[in-house]
Each structure stands twice: as structure tokens, then as C-alpha cells.
Amino acid sequence: MTLERLASTIAARKGADPETSWTAKLLAKGPEKCAEKFGEEAVEAIIEAVKGDRARLTSEAADVIYHLLVMLAARDVTLQDVLKELERREGTSGIAEKAGR
């Protein structure tokens, strides 16, 4: 699956040279910078969603997913951790899940 391969590539870049890898450069800047970059990309996706440009939204959504995975990696949270949480919630009403927090 593409998402799992991307997550593996990001994890492999954690110790890479920041001069040769954009992912390594982001991770070297620390979790706070990774979170900031994720936020910037999320805002860009929101703007494209409001504009209604499907192609631009698709591109920005890909950026959001990539930067989400980088942000998670910066805090040692894996894609598998997130998938397990989604699996735990599966079959539960969103309203009931939120009330249970």
C-alpha cells in the first residue's frame, strides 16, 4: 500500500543527512517545526476545498498526508499506531466516540 511505503520511507529518513533528504531536513528541525509545516499544509488544503479546485485539493491533500506522517514520525507515532486507533473506533458512532472522550 502506498501509504505504508511512504511511512516506511519517512521512518528510514530519520537518521539521514538533512542535506540530501527533504524529510530528514524537516525531522532535523524538530517536532514543533514538523507540526507547523503540517498546519501550513492543512490550511492550504482548506483553501483549495473552499475554492472547489479538485486537482489542487488533491495535490494539497497529498501534501497534508505526507506532512502528517512526518509530524507523527517526529514524535515516534507510527502509521500502525494510528491505524490501530482507527480500528478500535470502527463500528462506533462518531457522536458516541466523541462523548466517550
PDB file of N, CA and C in Angstrom:
ATOM      1  N   MET A   1       0.845  -1.185   0.000  1.00  0.00           N
ATOM      2  CA  MET A   1       0.000   0.000   0.000  1.00  0.00           C
ATOM      3  C   MET A   1       0.890   1.248   0.000  1.00  0.00           C
ATOM      4  N   THR A   2       0.527   2.219  -0.777  1.00  0.00           N
ATOM      5  CA  THR A   2       1.321   3.434  -0.937  1.00  0.00           C
ATOM      6  C   THR A   2       1.563   4.139   0.387  1.00  0.00           C
ATOM      7  N   LEU A   3       0.541   4.246   1.206  1.00  0.00           N
ATOM      8  CA  LEU A   3       0.667   4.945   2.490  1.00  0.00           C
ATOM      9  C   LEU A   3       1.673   4.256   3.405  1.00  0.00           C
ATOM     10  N   GLU A   4       1.635   2.944   3.434  1.00  0.00           N
ATOM     11  CA  GLU A   4       2.595   2.205   4.268  1.00  0.00           C
ATOM     12  C   GLU A   4       4.023   2.365   3.747  1.00  0.00           C
ATOM     13  N   ARG A   5       4.189   2.363   2.423  1.00  0.00           N
ATOM     14  CA  ARG A   5       5.525   2.575   1.853  1.00  0.00           C
ATOM     15  C   ARG A   5       6.030   3.973   2.182  1.00  0.00           C
ATOM     16  N   LEU A   6       5.143   4.962   2.088  1.00  0.00           N
ATOM     17  CA  LEU A   6       5.531   6.331   2.421  1.00  0.00           C
ATOM     18  C   LEU A   6       5.945   6.431   3.886  1.00  0.00           C
ATOM     19  N   ALA A   7       5.170   5.841   4.772  1.00  0.00           N
ATOM     20  CA  ALA A   7       5.506   5.865   6.202  1.00  0.00           C
ATOM     21  C   ALA A   7       6.851   5.192   6.457  1.00  0.00           C
ATOM     22  N   SER A   8       7.120   4.095   5.765  1.00  0.00           N
ATOM     23  CA  SER A   8       8.408   3.397   5.917  1.00  0.00           C
ATOM     24  C   SER A   8       9.562   4.245   5.415  1.00  0.00           C
ATOM     25  N   THR A   9       9.361   4.924   4.305  1.00  0.00           N
ATOM     26  CA  THR A   9      10.397   5.798   3.760  1.00  0.00           C
ATOM     27  C   THR A   9      10.690   6.938   4.726  1.00  0.00           C
ATOM     28  N   ILE A  10       9.652   7.529   5.294  1.00  0.00           N
ATOM     29  CA  ILE A  10       9.827   8.616   6.265  1.00  0.00           C
ATOM     30  C   ILE A  10      10.601   8.105   7.477  1.00  0.00           C
ATOM     31  N   ALA A  11      10.229   6.952   7.981  1.00  0.00           N
ATOM     32  CA  ALA A  11      10.935   6.379   9.134  1.00  0.00           C
ATOM     33  C   ALA A  11      12.407   6.134   8.804  1.00  0.00           C
ATOM     34  N   ALA A  12      12.681   5.685   7.602  1.00  0.00           N
ATOM     35  CA  ALA A  12      14.059   5.411   7.198  1.00  0.00           C
ATOM     36  C   ALA A  12      14.885   6.687   7.062  1.00  0.00           C
ATOM     37  N   ARG A  13      14.223   7.793   6.828  1.00  0.00           N
ATOM     38  CA  ARG A  13      14.925   9.070   6.653  1.00  0.00           C
ATOM     39  C   ARG A  13      15.270   9.755   7.981  1.00  0.00           C
ATOM     40  N   LYS A  14      14.787   9.207   9.082  1.00  0.00           N
ATOM     41  CA  LYS A  14      15.015   9.849  10.388  1.00  0.00           C
ATOM     42  C   LYS A  14      16.493  10.102  10.669  1.00  0.00           C
ATOM     43  N   GLY A  15      17.350   9.208  10.262  1.00  0.00           N
ATOM     44  CA  GLY A  15      18.767   9.394  10.530  1.00  0.00           C
ATOM     45  C   GLY A  15      19.558   9.842   9.320  1.00  0.00           C
ATOM     46  N   ALA A  16      18.865  10.180   8.243  1.00  0.00           N
ATOM     47  CA  ALA A  16      19.545  10.549   7.006  1.00  0.00           C
ATOM     48  C   ALA A  16      20.141  11.958   7.096  1.00  0.00           C
ATOM     49  N   ASP A  17      20.979  12.256   6.133  1.00  0.00           N
ATOM     50  CA  ASP A  17      21.631  13.566   6.040  1.00  0.00           C
ATOM     51  C   ASP A  17      20.608  14.611   5.595  1.00  0.00           C
ATOM     52  N   PRO A  18      20.375  15.650   6.406  1.00  0.00           N
ATOM     53  CA  PRO A  18      19.416  16.691   6.041  1.00  0.00           C
ATOM     54  C   PRO A  18      19.771  17.430   4.745  1.00  0.00           C
ATOM     55  N   GLU A  19      21.017  17.318   4.317  1.00  0.00           N
ATOM     56  CA  GLU A  19      21.421  17.972   3.073  1.00  0.00           C
ATOM     57  C   GLU A  19      20.984  17.171   1.845  1.00  0.00           C
ATOM     58  N   THR A  20      20.608  15.914   2.034  1.00  0.00           N
ATOM     59  CA  THR A  20      20.257  15.078   0.886  1.00  0.00           C
ATOM     60  C   THR A  20      18.801  14.623   0.907  1.00  0.00           C
ATOM     61  N   SER A  21      18.044  14.955   1.948  1.00  0.00           N
ATOM     62  CA  SER A  21      16.666  14.491   2.065  1.00  0.00           C
ATOM     63  C   SER A  21      15.791  15.572   2.693  1.00  0.00           C
ATOM     64  N   TRP A  22      14.720  15.923   1.975  1.00  0.00           N
ATOM     65  CA  TRP A  22      13.764  16.907   2.499  1.00  0.00           C
ATOM     66  C   TRP A  22      13.135  16.398   3.796  1.00  0.00           C
ATOM     67  N   THR A  23      12.814  15.124   3.839  1.00  0.00           N
ATOM     68  CA  THR A  23      12.223  14.539   5.038  1.00  0.00           C
ATOM     69  C   THR A  23      13.197  14.628   6.207  1.00  0.00           C
ATOM     70  N   ALA A  24      14.444  14.269   5.968  1.00  0.00           N
ATOM     71  CA  ALA A  24      15.456  14.355   7.030  1.00  0.00           C
ATOM     72  C   ALA A  24      15.626  15.798   7.493  1.00  0.00           C
ATOM     73  N   LYS A  25      15.551  16.732   6.555  1.00  0.00           N
ATOM     74  CA  LYS A  25      15.686  18.154   6.903  1.00  0.00           C
ATOM     75  C   LYS A  25      14.542  18.588   7.821  1.00  0.00           C
ATOM     76  N   LEU A  26      13.320  18.183   7.479  1.00  0.00           N
ATOM     77  CA  LEU A  26      12.164  18.507   8.328  1.00  0.00           C
ATOM     78  C   LEU A  26      12.315  17.890   9.715  1.00  0.00           C
ATOM     79  N   LEU A  27      12.649  16.605   9.760  1.00  0.00           N
ATOM     80  CA  LEU A  27      12.782  15.904  11.038  1.00  0.00           C
ATOM     81  C   LEU A  27      13.899  16.503  11.893  1.00  0.00           C
ATOM     82  N   ALA A  28      14.970  16.954  11.262  1.00  0.00           N
ATOM     83  CA  ALA A  28      16.088  17.548  11.996  1.00  0.00           C
ATOM     84  C   ALA A  28      15.690  18.863  12.661  1.00  0.00           C
ATOM     85  N   LYS A  29      14.673  19.502  12.139  1.00  0.00           N
ATOM     86  CA  LYS A  29      14.204  20.774  12.713  1.00  0.00           C
ATOM     87  C   LYS A  29      13.354  20.570  13.963  1.00  0.00           C
ATOM     88  N   GLY A  30      12.975  19.315  14.218  1.00  0.00           N
ATOM     89  CA  GLY A  30      12.247  19.004  15.447  1.00  0.00           C
ATOM     90  C   GLY A  30      10.753  18.903  15.265  1.00  0.00           C
ATOM     91  N   PRO A  31      10.092  18.304  16.265  1.00  0.00           N
ATOM     92  CA  PRO A  31       8.650  18.069  16.197  1.00  0.00           C
ATOM     93  C   PRO A  31       7.818  19.337  16.042  1.00  0.00           C
ATOM     94  N   GLU A  32       8.257  20.417  16.651  1.00  0.00           N
ATOM     95  CA  GLU A  32       7.479  21.653  16.578  1.00  0.00           C
ATOM     96  C   GLU A  32       7.431  22.182  15.146  1.00  0.00           C
ATOM     97  N   LYS A  33       8.564  22.156  14.453  1.00  0.00           N
ATOM     98  CA  LYS A  33       8.616  22.620  13.063  1.00  0.00           C
ATOM     99  C   LYS A  33       7.811  21.683  12.169  1.00  0.00           C
ATOM    100  N   CYS A  34       7.884  20.387  12.441  1.00  0.00           N
ATOM    101  CA  CYS A  34       7.097  19.423  11.667  1.00  0.00           C
ATOM    102  C   CYS A  34       5.605  19.701  11.851  1.00  0.00           C
ATOM    103  N   ALA A  35       5.193  20.011  13.063  1.00  0.00           N
ATOM    104  CA  ALA A  35       3.782  20.329  13.341  1.00  0.00           C
ATOM    105  C   ALA A  35       3.382  21.625  12.637  1.00  0.00           C
ATOM    106  N   GLU A  36       4.259  22.602  12.662  1.00  0.00           N
ATOM    107  CA  GLU A  36       3.986  23.879  11.987  1.00  0.00           C
ATOM    108  C   GLU A  36       3.786  23.658  10.488  1.00  0.00           C
ATOM    109  N   LYS A  37       4.651  22.870   9.883  1.00  0.00           N
ATOM    110  CA  LYS A  37       4.559  22.598   8.445  1.00  0.00           C
ATOM    111  C   LYS A  37       3.271  21.834   8.125  1.00  0.00           C
ATOM    112  N   PHE A  38       2.903  20.878   8.977  1.00  0.00           N
ATOM    113  CA  PHE A  38       1.640  20.166   8.795  1.00  0.00           C
ATOM    114  C   PHE A  38       0.476  21.159   8.816  1.00  0.00           C
ATOM    115  N   GLY A  39       0.496  22.069   9.766  1.00  0.00           N
ATOM    116  CA  GLY A  39      -0.565  23.073   9.866  1.00  0.00           C
ATOM    117  C   GLY A  39      -0.655  23.939   8.627  1.00  0.00           C
ATOM    118  N   GLU A  40       0.485  24.356   8.106  1.00  0.00           N
ATOM    119  CA  GLU A  40       0.501  25.169   6.885  1.00  0.00           C
ATOM    120  C   GLU A  40      -0.135  24.409   5.724  1.00  0.00           C
ATOM    121  N   GLU A  41       0.231  23.139   5.592  1.00  0.00           N
ATOM    122  CA  GLU A  41      -0.308  22.330   4.503  1.00  0.00           C
ATOM    123  C   GLU A  41      -1.805  22.104   4.678  1.00  0.00           C
ATOM    124  N   ALA A  42      -2.253  21.916   5.909  1.00  0.00           N
ATOM    125  CA  ALA A  42      -3.684  21.728   6.169  1.00  0.00           C
ATOM    126  C   ALA A  42      -4.471  22.975   5.765  1.00  0.00           C
ATOM    127  N   VAL A  43      -3.938  24.145   6.082  1.00  0.00           N
ATOM    128  CA  VAL A  43      -4.604  25.400   5.700  1.00  0.00           C
ATOM    129  C   VAL A  43      -4.678  25.514   4.178  1.00  0.00           C
ATOM    130  N   GLU A  44      -3.600  25.151   3.492  1.00  0.00           N
ATOM    131  CA  GLU A  44      -3.613  25.205   2.032  1.00  0.00           C
ATOM    132  C   GLU A  44      -4.671  24.266   1.460  1.00  0.00           C
ATOM    133  N   ALA A  45      -4.835  23.094   2.065  1.00  0.00           N
ATOM    134  CA  ALA A  45      -5.873  22.156   1.615  1.00  0.00           C
ATOM    135  C   ALA A  45      -7.265  22.734   1.857  1.00  0.00           C
ATOM    136  N   ILE A  46      -7.446  23.379   2.985  1.00  0.00           N
ATOM    137  CA  ILE A  46      -8.739  24.004   3.291  1.00  0.00           C
ATOM    138  C   ILE A  46      -9.069  25.068   2.251  1.00  0.00           C
ATOM    139  N   ILE A  47      -8.092  25.880   1.915  1.00  0.00           N
ATOM    140  CA  ILE A  47      -8.307  26.939   0.915  1.00  0.00           C
ATOM    141  C   ILE A  47      -8.743  26.335  -0.413  1.00  0.00           C
ATOM    142  N   GLU A  48      -8.080  25.268  -0.840  1.00  0.00           N
ATOM    143  CA  GLU A  48      -8.441  24.629  -2.113  1.00  0.00           C
ATOM    144  C   GLU A  48      -9.811  23.970  -2.031  1.00  0.00           C
ATOM    145  N   ALA A  49     -10.179  23.441  -0.872  1.00  0.00           N
ATOM    146  CA  ALA A  49     -11.510  22.842  -0.705  1.00  0.00           C
ATOM    147  C   ALA A  49     -12.589  23.908  -0.850  1.00  0.00           C
ATOM    148  N   VAL A  50     -12.325  25.079  -0.285  1.00  0.00           N
ATOM    149  CA  VAL A  50     -13.293  26.178  -0.376  1.00  0.00           C
ATOM    150  C   VAL A  50     -13.395  26.685  -1.818  1.00  0.00           C
ATOM    151  N   LYS A  51     -12.267  26.771  -2.496  1.00  0.00           N
ATOM    152  CA  LYS A  51     -12.263  27.247  -3.888  1.00  0.00           C
ATOM    153  C   LYS A  51     -12.948  26.261  -4.828  1.00  0.00           C
ATOM    154  N   GLY A  52     -12.890  24.977  -4.465  1.00  0.00           N
ATOM    155  CA  GLY A  52     -13.528  23.972  -5.295  1.00  0.00           C
ATOM    156  C   GLY A  52     -12.658  23.451  -6.429  1.00  0.00           C
ATOM    157  N   ASP A  53     -11.351  23.720  -6.366  1.00  0.00           N
ATOM    158  CA  ASP A  53     -10.436  23.231  -7.398  1.00  0.00           C
ATOM    159  C   ASP A  53     -10.029  21.802  -7.043  1.00  0.00           C
ATOM    160  N   ARG A  54     -10.630  20.836  -7.699  1.00  0.00           N
ATOM    161  CA  ARG A  54     -10.439  19.421  -7.369  1.00  0.00           C
ATOM    162  C   ARG A  54      -8.981  18.989  -7.519  1.00  0.00           C
ATOM    163  N   ALA A  55      -8.343  19.384  -8.595  1.00  0.00           N
ATOM    164  CA  ALA A  55      -6.953  18.983  -8.837  1.00  0.00           C
ATOM    165  C   ALA A  55      -6.022  19.573  -7.785  1.00  0.00           C
ATOM    166  N   ARG A  56      -6.211  20.843  -7.450  1.00  0.00           N
ATOM    167  CA  ARG A  56      -5.362  21.483  -6.433  1.00  0.00           C
ATOM    168  C   ARG A  56      -5.638  20.889  -5.060  1.00  0.00           C
ATOM    169  N   LEU A  57      -6.898  20.588  -4.760  1.00  0.00           N
ATOM    170  CA  LEU A  57      -7.227  19.965  -3.478  1.00  0.00           C
ATOM    171  C   LEU A  57      -6.568  18.593  -3.377  1.00  0.00           C
ATOM    172  N   THR A  58      -6.595  17.827  -4.453  1.00  0.00           N
ATOM    173  CA  THR A  58      -5.959  16.515  -4.461  1.00  0.00           C
ATOM    174  C   THR A  58      -4.470  16.641  -4.168  1.00  0.00           C
ATOM    175  N   SER A  59      -3.822  17.597  -4.802  1.00  0.00           N
ATOM    176  CA  SER A  59      -2.389  17.819  -4.588  1.00  0.00           C
ATOM    177  C   SER A  59      -2.103  18.252  -3.149  1.00  0.00           C
ATOM    178  N   GLU A  60      -2.897  19.177  -2.649  1.00  0.00           N
ATOM    179  CA  GLU A  60      -2.695  19.650  -1.273  1.00  0.00           C
ATOM    180  C   GLU A  60      -3.004  18.551  -0.259  1.00  0.00           C
ATOM    181  N   ALA A  61      -3.996  17.710  -0.549  1.00  0.00           N
ATOM    182  CA  ALA A  61      -4.315  16.601   0.355  1.00  0.00           C
ATOM    183  C   ALA A  61      -3.135  15.636   0.445  1.00  0.00           C
ATOM    184  N   ALA A  62      -2.467  15.394  -0.671  1.00  0.00           N
ATOM    185  CA  ALA A  62      -1.277  14.537  -0.651  1.00  0.00           C
ATOM    186  C   ALA A  62      -0.195  15.164   0.224  1.00  0.00           C
ATOM    187  N   ASP A  63      -0.022  16.484   0.119  1.00  0.00           N
ATOM    188  CA  ASP A  63       0.949  17.182   0.979  1.00  0.00           C
ATOM    189  C   ASP A  63       0.578  17.047   2.449  1.00  0.00           C
ATOM    190  N   VAL A  64      -0.717  17.166   2.750  1.00  0.00           N
ATOM    191  CA  VAL A  64      -1.184  17.041   4.133  1.00  0.00           C
ATOM    192  C   VAL A  64      -0.859  15.654   4.683  1.00  0.00           C
ATOM    193  N   ILE A  65      -1.133  14.631   3.903  1.00  0.00           N
ATOM    194  CA  ILE A  65      -0.867  13.268   4.370  1.00  0.00           C
ATOM    195  C   ILE A  65       0.623  13.058   4.602  1.00  0.00           C
ATOM    196  N   TYR A  66       1.442  13.510   3.665  1.00  0.00           N
ATOM    197  CA  TYR A  66       2.897  13.390   3.832  1.00  0.00           C
ATOM    198  C   TYR A  66       3.351  14.105   5.105  1.00  0.00           C
ATOM    199  N   HIS A  67       2.926  15.349   5.286  1.00  0.00           N
ATOM    200  CA  HIS A  67       3.380  16.125   6.447  1.00  0.00           C
ATOM    201  C   HIS A  67       2.789  15.592   7.758  1.00  0.00           C
ATOM    202  N   LEU A  68       1.606  14.989   7.712  1.00  0.00           N
ATOM    203  CA  LEU A  68       1.057  14.325   8.897  1.00  0.00           C
ATOM    204  C   LEU A  68       1.974  13.172   9.302  1.00  0.00           C
ATOM    205  N   LEU A  69       2.388  12.366   8.330  1.00  0.00           N
ATOM    206  CA  LEU A  69       3.261  11.237   8.635  1.00  0.00           C
ATOM    207  C   LEU A  69       4.621  11.702   9.154  1.00  0.00           C
ATOM    208  N   VAL A  70       5.134  12.801   8.618  1.00  0.00           N
ATOM    209  CA  VAL A  70       6.404  13.351   9.122  1.00  0.00           C
ATOM    210  C   VAL A  70       6.225  13.822  10.559  1.00  0.00           C
ATOM    211  N   MET A  71       5.138  14.535  10.833  1.00  0.00           N
ATOM    212  CA  MET A  71       4.873  15.022  12.186  1.00  0.00           C
ATOM    213  C   MET A  71       4.746  13.851  13.162  1.00  0.00           C
ATOM    214  N   LEU A  72       4.045  12.818  12.768  1.00  0.00           N
ATOM    215  CA  LEU A  72       3.916  11.641  13.624  1.00  0.00           C
ATOM    216  C   LEU A  72       5.279  11.001  13.876  1.00  0.00           C
ATOM    217  N   ALA A  73       6.083  10.868  12.830  1.00  0.00           N
ATOM    218  CA  ALA A  73       7.414  10.259  12.962  1.00  0.00           C
ATOM    219  C   ALA A  73       8.290  11.076  13.907  1.00  0.00           C
ATOM    220  N   ALA A  74       8.127  12.385  13.880  1.00  0.00           N
ATOM    221  CA  ALA A  74       8.917  13.247  14.758  1.00  0.00           C
ATOM    222  C   ALA A  74       8.626  12.970  16.223  1.00  0.00           C
ATOM    223  N   ARG A  75       7.450  12.421  16.506  1.00  0.00           N
ATOM    224  CA  ARG A  75       7.051  12.080  17.876  1.00  0.00           C
ATOM    225  C   ARG A  75       6.979  10.571  18.099  1.00  0.00           C
ATOM    226  N   ASP A  76       7.590   9.822  17.185  1.00  0.00           N
ATOM    227  CA  ASP A  76       7.641   8.357  17.289  1.00  0.00           C
ATOM    228  C   ASP A  76       6.262   7.705  17.355  1.00  0.00           C
ATOM    229  N   VAL A  77       5.319   8.271  16.619  1.00  0.00           N
ATOM    230  CA  VAL A  77       3.998   7.661  16.451  1.00  0.00           C
ATOM    231  C   VAL A  77       3.986   7.079  15.039  1.00  0.00           C
ATOM    232  N   THR A  78       3.676   5.806  14.927  1.00  0.00           N
ATOM    233  CA  THR A  78       3.705   5.158  13.623  1.00  0.00           C
ATOM    234  C   THR A  78       2.336   5.183  12.955  1.00  0.00           C
ATOM    235  N   LEU A  79       2.359   4.941  11.652  1.00  0.00           N
ATOM    236  CA  LEU A  79       1.107   4.785  10.922  1.00  0.00           C
ATOM    237  C   LEU A  79       0.310   3.635  11.528  1.00  0.00           C
ATOM    238  N   GLN A  80       0.983   2.567  11.922  1.00  0.00           N
ATOM    239  CA  GLN A  80       0.303   1.426  12.536  1.00  0.00           C
ATOM    240  C   GLN A  80      -0.404   1.833  13.830  1.00  0.00           C
ATOM    241  N   ASP A  81       0.214   2.718  14.616  1.00  0.00           N
ATOM    242  CA  ASP A  81      -0.436   3.211  15.833  1.00  0.00           C
ATOM    243  C   ASP A  81      -1.757   3.897  15.495  1.00  0.00           C
ATOM    244  N   VAL A  82      -1.732   4.712  14.459  1.00  0.00           N
ATOM    245  CA  VAL A  82      -2.933   5.446  14.056  1.00  0.00           C
ATOM    246  C   VAL A  82      -3.979   4.485  13.495  1.00  0.00           C
ATOM    247  N   LEU A  83      -3.529   3.539  12.682  1.00  0.00           N
ATOM    248  CA  LEU A  83      -4.473   2.565  12.126  1.00  0.00           C
ATOM    249  C   LEU A  83      -5.124   1.722  13.212  1.00  0.00           C
ATOM    250  N   LYS A  84      -4.366   1.354  14.234  1.00  0.00           N
ATOM    251  CA  LYS A  84      -4.939   0.604  15.364  1.00  0.00           C
ATOM    252  C   LYS A  84      -6.001   1.426  16.076  1.00  0.00           C
ATOM    253  N   GLU A  85      -5.746   2.721  16.231  1.00  0.00           N
ATOM    254  CA  GLU A  85      -6.734   3.587  16.879  1.00  0.00           C
ATOM    255  C   GLU A  85      -7.996   3.691  16.027  1.00  0.00           C
ATOM    256  N   LEU A  86      -7.827   3.812  14.719  1.00  0.00           N
ATOM    257  CA  LEU A  86      -8.995   3.850  13.837  1.00  0.00           C
ATOM    258  C   LEU A  86      -9.765   2.533  13.897  1.00  0.00           C
ATOM    259  N   GLU A  87      -9.036   1.433  13.937  1.00  0.00           N
ATOM    260  CA  GLU A  87      -9.668   0.117  14.040  1.00  0.00           C
ATOM    261  C   GLU A  87     -10.450  -0.002  15.353  1.00  0.00           C
ATOM    262  N   ARG A  88      -9.871   0.520  16.430  1.00  0.00           N
ATOM    263  CA  ARG A  88     -10.546   0.488  17.725  1.00  0.00           C
ATOM    264  C   ARG A  88     -11.872   1.235  17.664  1.00  0.00           C
ATOM    265  N   ARG A  89     -11.894   2.308  16.898  1.00  0.00           N
ATOM    266  CA  ARG A  89     -13.096   3.134  16.801  1.00  0.00           C
ATOM    267  C   ARG A  89     -14.117   2.612  15.798  1.00  0.00           C
ATOM    268  N   GLU A  90     -13.690   1.706  14.946  1.00  0.00           N
ATOM    269  CA  GLU A  90     -14.556   1.208  13.887  1.00  0.00           C
ATOM    270  C   GLU A  90     -15.847   0.626  14.462  1.00  0.00           C
ATOM    271  N   GLY A  91     -16.950   0.995  13.827  1.00  0.00           N
ATOM    272  CA  GLY A  91     -18.244   0.493  14.269  1.00  0.00           C
ATOM    273  C   GLY A  91     -18.860   1.301  15.394  1.00  0.00           C
ATOM    274  N   THR A  92     -18.141   2.315  15.855  1.00  0.00           N
ATOM    275  CA  THR A  92     -18.663   3.180  16.909  1.00  0.00           C
ATOM    276  C   THR A  92     -19.147   4.473  16.272  1.00  0.00           C
ATOM    277  N   SER A  93     -20.310   4.899  16.644  1.00  0.00           N
ATOM    278  CA  SER A  93     -20.831   6.163  16.141  1.00  0.00           C
ATOM    279  C   SER A  93     -19.870   7.292  16.499  1.00  0.00           C
ATOM    280  N   GLY A  94     -19.658   8.195  15.572  1.00  0.00           N
ATOM    281  CA  GLY A  94     -18.800   9.343  15.838  1.00  0.00           C
ATOM    282  C   GLY A  94     -19.301  10.166  17.013  1.00  0.00           C
ATOM    283  N   ILE A  95     -20.595  10.256  17.143  1.00  0.00           N
ATOM    284  CA  ILE A  95     -21.179  11.013  18.255  1.00  0.00           C
ATOM    285  C   ILE A  95     -20.880  10.296  19.576  1.00  0.00           C
ATOM    286  N   ALA A  96     -21.044   8.987  19.598  1.00  0.00           N
ATOM    287  CA  ALA A  96     -20.765   8.220  20.816  1.00  0.00           C
ATOM    288  C   ALA A  96     -19.276   8.254  21.136  1.00  0.00           C
ATOM    289  N   GLU A  97     -18.423   8.157  20.112  1.00  0.00           N
ATOM    290  CA  GLU A  97     -16.976   8.178  20.329  1.00  0.00           C
ATOM    291  C   GLU A  97     -16.535   9.503  20.955  1.00  0.00           C
ATOM    292  N   LYS A  98     -17.050  10.602  20.417  1.00  0.00           N
ATOM    293  CA  LYS A  98     -16.687  11.922  20.968  1.00  0.00           C
ATOM    294  C   LYS A  98     -17.186  12.081  22.399  1.00  0.00           C
ATOM    295  N   ALA A  99     -18.370  11.574  22.686  1.00  0.00           N
ATOM    296  CA  ALA A  99     -18.929  11.673  24.033  1.00  0.00           C
ATOM    297  C   ALA A  99     -18.109  10.857  25.040  1.00  0.00           C
ATOM    298  N   GLY A 100     -17.466   9.798  24.549  1.00  0.00           N
ATOM    299  CA  GLY A 100     -16.690   8.933  25.427  1.00  0.00           C
ATOM    300  C   GLY A 100     -15.283   9.434  25.724  1.00  0.00           C
ATOM    301  N   ARG A 101     -14.903  10.534  25.151  1.00  0.00           N
ATOM    302  CA  ARG A 101     -13.542  11.065  25.378  1.00  0.00           C
ATOM    303  C   ARG A 101     -13.458  11.786  26.697  1.00  0.00           C
TER     304      ARG A 101
END
